[in-house]
Protein backbone atom coordinates (compact mmCIF):
# COMPACT_ATOMS: atom_id res chain seq x y z
CA MET A 1 -3.43 -13.62 -24.98
CA TYR A 2 -5.49 -13.35 -21.76
CA LEU A 3 -2.33 -13.13 -19.64
CA ALA A 4 -0.92 -10.30 -21.77
CA CYS A 5 -4.17 -8.39 -21.40
CA ALA A 6 -4.21 -8.96 -17.63
CA LEU A 7 -0.65 -7.75 -17.30
CA THR A 8 -1.30 -4.54 -19.25
CA ARG A 9 -4.59 -3.55 -17.57
CA LEU A 10 -4.70 -0.48 -15.38
CA ASP A 11 -4.61 -1.20 -11.67
CA THR A 12 -7.59 -0.14 -9.65
CA ALA A 13 -7.14 1.83 -6.44
CA ALA A 14 -7.51 -1.37 -4.39
CA ASP A 15 -4.82 -3.07 -6.45
CA ALA A 16 -2.47 -0.14 -6.02
CA GLU A 17 -3.09 -0.10 -2.27
CA ARG A 18 -2.44 -3.86 -2.06
CA ILE A 19 0.81 -3.49 -4.04
CA ASP A 20 1.96 -0.69 -1.76
CA LEU A 21 1.16 -2.78 1.31
CA ALA A 22 3.05 -5.77 -0.14
CA GLY A 23 6.08 -3.56 -0.82
CA PHE A 24 6.00 -2.24 2.76
CA LEU A 25 5.70 -5.80 4.04
CA ILE A 26 8.74 -6.96 2.04
CA HIS A 27 10.77 -3.95 3.21
CA SER A 28 9.78 -4.63 6.83
CA VAL A 29 10.68 -8.32 6.61
CA VAL A 30 14.10 -7.58 5.11
CA ALA A 31 14.80 -4.93 7.73
CA GLN A 32 13.79 -7.25 10.59
CA LEU A 33 15.94 -10.09 9.23
CA ASN A 34 18.93 -7.77 8.81
CA CYS A 35 18.66 -6.59 12.40
CA ALA A 36 18.03 -10.11 13.73
CA THR A 37 21.01 -11.69 11.99
CA ALA A 38 23.29 -8.94 13.33
CA SER A 39 22.34 -9.83 16.93
CA ASP A 40 22.08 -12.98 19.04
CA SER A 41 19.75 -15.87 18.33
CA ASP A 42 17.07 -14.71 20.79
CA ASP A 43 16.52 -11.63 18.61
CA PHE A 44 16.35 -13.84 15.53
CA ASP A 45 13.64 -16.04 16.99
CA ALA A 46 11.60 -13.02 18.04
CA ALA A 47 11.99 -11.50 14.60
CA VAL A 48 10.82 -14.69 12.91
CA ILE A 49 7.72 -14.74 15.14
CA GLY A 50 7.03 -11.11 14.31
CA ILE A 51 7.45 -11.78 10.59
CA LYS A 52 5.06 -14.74 10.75
CA ARG A 53 2.47 -12.52 12.48
CA MET A 54 2.81 -9.82 9.84
CA LEU A 55 2.50 -12.33 6.99
CA VAL A 56 -0.57 -14.01 8.47
CA SER A 57 -2.20 -10.60 9.05
CA TYR A 58 -1.45 -9.60 5.46
CA LEU A 59 -2.89 -12.86 4.11
CA PHE A 60 -6.05 -12.52 6.15
CA ALA A 61 -6.46 -8.91 4.95
CA ILE A 62 -6.13 -10.05 1.34
CA ALA A 63 -8.52 -12.95 1.87
CA ALA A 64 -11.08 -10.62 3.43
CA HIS A 65 -10.71 -8.23 0.50
CA TRP A 66 -11.21 -11.00 -2.06
CA GLY A 67 -14.08 -12.49 -0.10
CA SER A 68 -16.07 -9.28 -0.08
């Protein structure tokens, strides 16, 4: 019952912002991987490093939000 209530609750502004940011992050990762796989392996390695940096930054931002 609790899960159903949690899924139907209205998102706060912070939740909506976090969801938008996550969607942008997913779109960016897919775009980078598409470009990297179309090129040589050096571009792929650089894309993976960039993706890791974006993901770590996102996770730290979420952790800071939840910690405050």
